[in-house]
Amino acid sequence: MRKVFQNIGTATVVYLFILVVETLFELFQIKETREVLTFLGIMIKSRFTSHEISTTFGPTPRLAVTYLIFVTVFVLVLFVFRKKKSV
């Protein structure tokens, strides 16, 4: 059971790293006022005016879904590889 929690922790760290990289990539692609929904589920709202640049980040339901799918697949893949390695 302890290994499962360690795998979930590792999957969460990997997911967060991918999430940050993807969000930063999308953020620097924005050149005008608009809303962008990233693949993993972060909504980026950017507003450019002559006096300010405003950017807002927000989660969407897609974020929870992609997290659960990623963690499940990650843990299952590790389980299968460890099972094959021990046989």
C-alpha atoms as a PDB file:
ATOM      1  CA  MET A   1       0.000   0.000   0.000  1.00  0.00           C
ATOM      2  CA  ARG A   2       2.902   2.327   0.764  1.00  0.00           C
ATOM      3  CA  LYS A   3       4.273   1.868  -2.761  1.00  0.00           C
ATOM      4  CA  VAL A   4       0.920   2.888  -4.247  1.00  0.00           C
ATOM      5  CA  PHE A   5       1.000   6.165  -2.318  1.00  0.00           C
ATOM      6  CA  GLN A   6       4.599   6.759  -3.370  1.00  0.00           C
ATOM      7  CA  ASN A   7       3.613   6.153  -7.000  1.00  0.00           C
ATOM      8  CA  ILE A   8       0.687   8.564  -6.675  1.00  0.00           C
ATOM      9  CA  GLY A   9       3.032  11.161  -5.191  1.00  0.00           C
ATOM     10  CA  THR A  10       5.515  10.691  -8.014  1.00  0.00           C
ATOM     11  CA  ALA A  11       2.731  10.895 -10.598  1.00  0.00           C
ATOM     12  CA  THR A  12       1.462  14.111  -9.007  1.00  0.00           C
ATOM     13  CA  VAL A  13       4.894  15.747  -9.141  1.00  0.00           C
ATOM     14  CA  VAL A  14       5.354  14.725 -12.785  1.00  0.00           C
ATOM     15  CA  TYR A  15       1.839  15.986 -13.636  1.00  0.00           C
ATOM     16  CA  LEU A  16       2.479  19.339 -11.949  1.00  0.00           C
ATOM     17  CA  PHE A  17       5.768  19.740 -13.815  1.00  0.00           C
ATOM     18  CA  ILE A  18       4.058  19.041 -17.148  1.00  0.00           C
ATOM     19  CA  LEU A  19       1.213  21.399 -16.190  1.00  0.00           C
ATOM     20  CA  VAL A  20       3.589  24.273 -15.404  1.00  0.00           C
ATOM     21  CA  VAL A  21       5.609  23.769 -18.592  1.00  0.00           C
ATOM     22  CA  GLU A  22       2.482  23.615 -20.752  1.00  0.00           C
ATOM     23  CA  THR A  23       0.929  26.671 -19.088  1.00  0.00           C
ATOM     24  CA  LEU A  24       4.098  28.724 -19.505  1.00  0.00           C
ATOM     25  CA  PHE A  25       4.361  27.662 -23.146  1.00  0.00           C
ATOM     26  CA  GLU A  26       0.765  28.736 -23.835  1.00  0.00           C
ATOM     27  CA  LEU A  27       1.204  31.952 -21.855  1.00  0.00           C
ATOM     28  CA  PHE A  28       4.126  33.128 -23.952  1.00  0.00           C
ATOM     29  CA  GLN A  29       2.226  32.354 -27.167  1.00  0.00           C
ATOM     30  CA  ILE A  30      -0.450  34.950 -26.342  1.00  0.00           C
ATOM     31  CA  LYS A  31       0.079  38.202 -28.239  1.00  0.00           C
ATOM     32  CA  GLU A  32      -3.370  39.822 -27.913  1.00  0.00           C
ATOM     33  CA  THR A  33      -6.429  39.987 -25.663  1.00  0.00           C
ATOM     34  CA  ARG A  34      -8.002  36.519 -25.567  1.00  0.00           C
ATOM     35  CA  GLU A  35      -8.826  33.403 -23.579  1.00  0.00           C
ATOM     36  CA  VAL A  36      -6.880  30.181 -23.972  1.00  0.00           C
ATOM     37  CA  LEU A  37      -7.754  26.754 -22.595  1.00  0.00           C
ATOM     38  CA  THR A  38      -4.679  24.560 -22.253  1.00  0.00           C
ATOM     39  CA  PHE A  39      -4.774  20.843 -23.014  1.00  0.00           C
ATOM     40  CA  LEU A  40      -4.551  19.913 -19.332  1.00  0.00           C
ATOM     41  CA  GLY A  41      -7.306  22.317 -18.261  1.00  0.00           C
ATOM     42  CA  ILE A  42      -5.971  25.729 -17.246  1.00  0.00           C
ATOM     43  CA  MET A  43      -7.926  28.740 -18.518  1.00  0.00           C
ATOM     44  CA  ILE A  44      -5.674  31.709 -19.282  1.00  0.00           C
ATOM     45  CA  LYS A  45      -7.419  35.045 -19.749  1.00  0.00           C
ATOM     46  CA  SER A  46      -5.199  37.838 -21.031  1.00  0.00           C
ATOM     47  CA  ARG A  47      -6.232  41.436 -21.471  1.00  0.00           C
ATOM     48  CA  PHE A  48      -3.980  43.988 -23.112  1.00  0.00           C
ATOM     49  CA  THR A  49      -4.763  47.695 -22.826  1.00  0.00           C
ATOM     50  CA  SER A  50      -2.670  50.782 -23.399  1.00  0.00           C
ATOM     51  CA  HIS A  51      -2.081  51.053 -19.635  1.00  0.00           C
ATOM     52  CA  GLU A  52      -1.789  47.480 -18.412  1.00  0.00           C
ATOM     53  CA  ILE A  53      -1.416  43.834 -19.214  1.00  0.00           C
ATOM     54  CA  SER A  54      -3.645  41.601 -17.095  1.00  0.00           C
ATOM     55  CA  THR A  55      -3.441  37.812 -16.992  1.00  0.00           C
ATOM     56  CA  THR A  56      -5.719  35.533 -14.990  1.00  0.00           C
ATOM     57  CA  PHE A  57      -5.329  31.787 -14.519  1.00  0.00           C
ATOM     58  CA  GLY A  58      -8.131  29.467 -13.508  1.00  0.00           C
ATOM     59  CA  PRO A  59      -8.826  25.762 -13.267  1.00  0.00           C
ATOM     60  CA  THR A  60     -11.533  24.037 -15.287  1.00  0.00           C
ATOM     61  CA  PRO A  61     -13.175  20.631 -14.748  1.00  0.00           C
ATOM     62  CA  ARG A  62     -10.829  19.285 -17.415  1.00  0.00           C
ATOM     63  CA  LEU A  63      -7.953  19.759 -14.956  1.00  0.00           C
ATOM     64  CA  ALA A  64      -9.387  17.225 -12.508  1.00  0.00           C
ATOM     65  CA  VAL A  65     -10.217  14.763 -15.271  1.00  0.00           C
ATOM     66  CA  THR A  66      -6.744  14.899 -16.840  1.00  0.00           C
ATOM     67  CA  TYR A  67      -5.139  14.585 -13.397  1.00  0.00           C
ATOM     68  CA  LEU A  68      -7.129  11.472 -12.518  1.00  0.00           C
ATOM     69  CA  ILE A  69      -6.442   9.893 -15.912  1.00  0.00           C
ATOM     70  CA  PHE A  70      -2.721  10.707 -15.715  1.00  0.00           C
ATOM     71  CA  VAL A  71      -2.302   9.344 -12.184  1.00  0.00           C
ATOM     72  CA  THR A  72      -4.259   6.177 -12.988  1.00  0.00           C
ATOM     73  CA  VAL A  73      -2.252   5.441 -16.138  1.00  0.00           C
ATOM     74  CA  PHE A  74       1.040   6.314 -14.428  1.00  0.00           C
ATOM     75  CA  VAL A  75       0.387   3.994 -11.472  1.00  0.00           C
ATOM     76  CA  LEU A  76      -0.834   1.162 -13.716  1.00  0.00           C
ATOM     77  CA  VAL A  77       2.221   1.422 -15.976  1.00  0.00           C
ATOM     78  CA  LEU A  78       4.566   1.354 -12.984  1.00  0.00           C
ATOM     79  CA  PHE A  79       2.676  -1.614 -11.549  1.00  0.00           C
ATOM     80  CA  VAL A  80       2.946  -3.567 -14.828  1.00  0.00           C
ATOM     81  CA  PHE A  81       6.654  -2.809 -15.251  1.00  0.00           C
ATOM     82  CA  ARG A  82       7.430  -3.785 -11.666  1.00  0.00           C
ATOM     83  CA  LYS A  83       5.374  -6.955 -12.024  1.00  0.00           C
ATOM     84  CA  LYS A  84       7.274  -7.951 -15.189  1.00  0.00           C
ATOM     85  CA  LYS A  85      10.587  -7.083 -13.585  1.00  0.00           C
ATOM     86  CA  SER A  86       9.950  -9.327 -10.575  1.00  0.00           C
ATOM     87  CA  VAL A  87       8.858 -12.309 -12.736  1.00  0.00           C
END
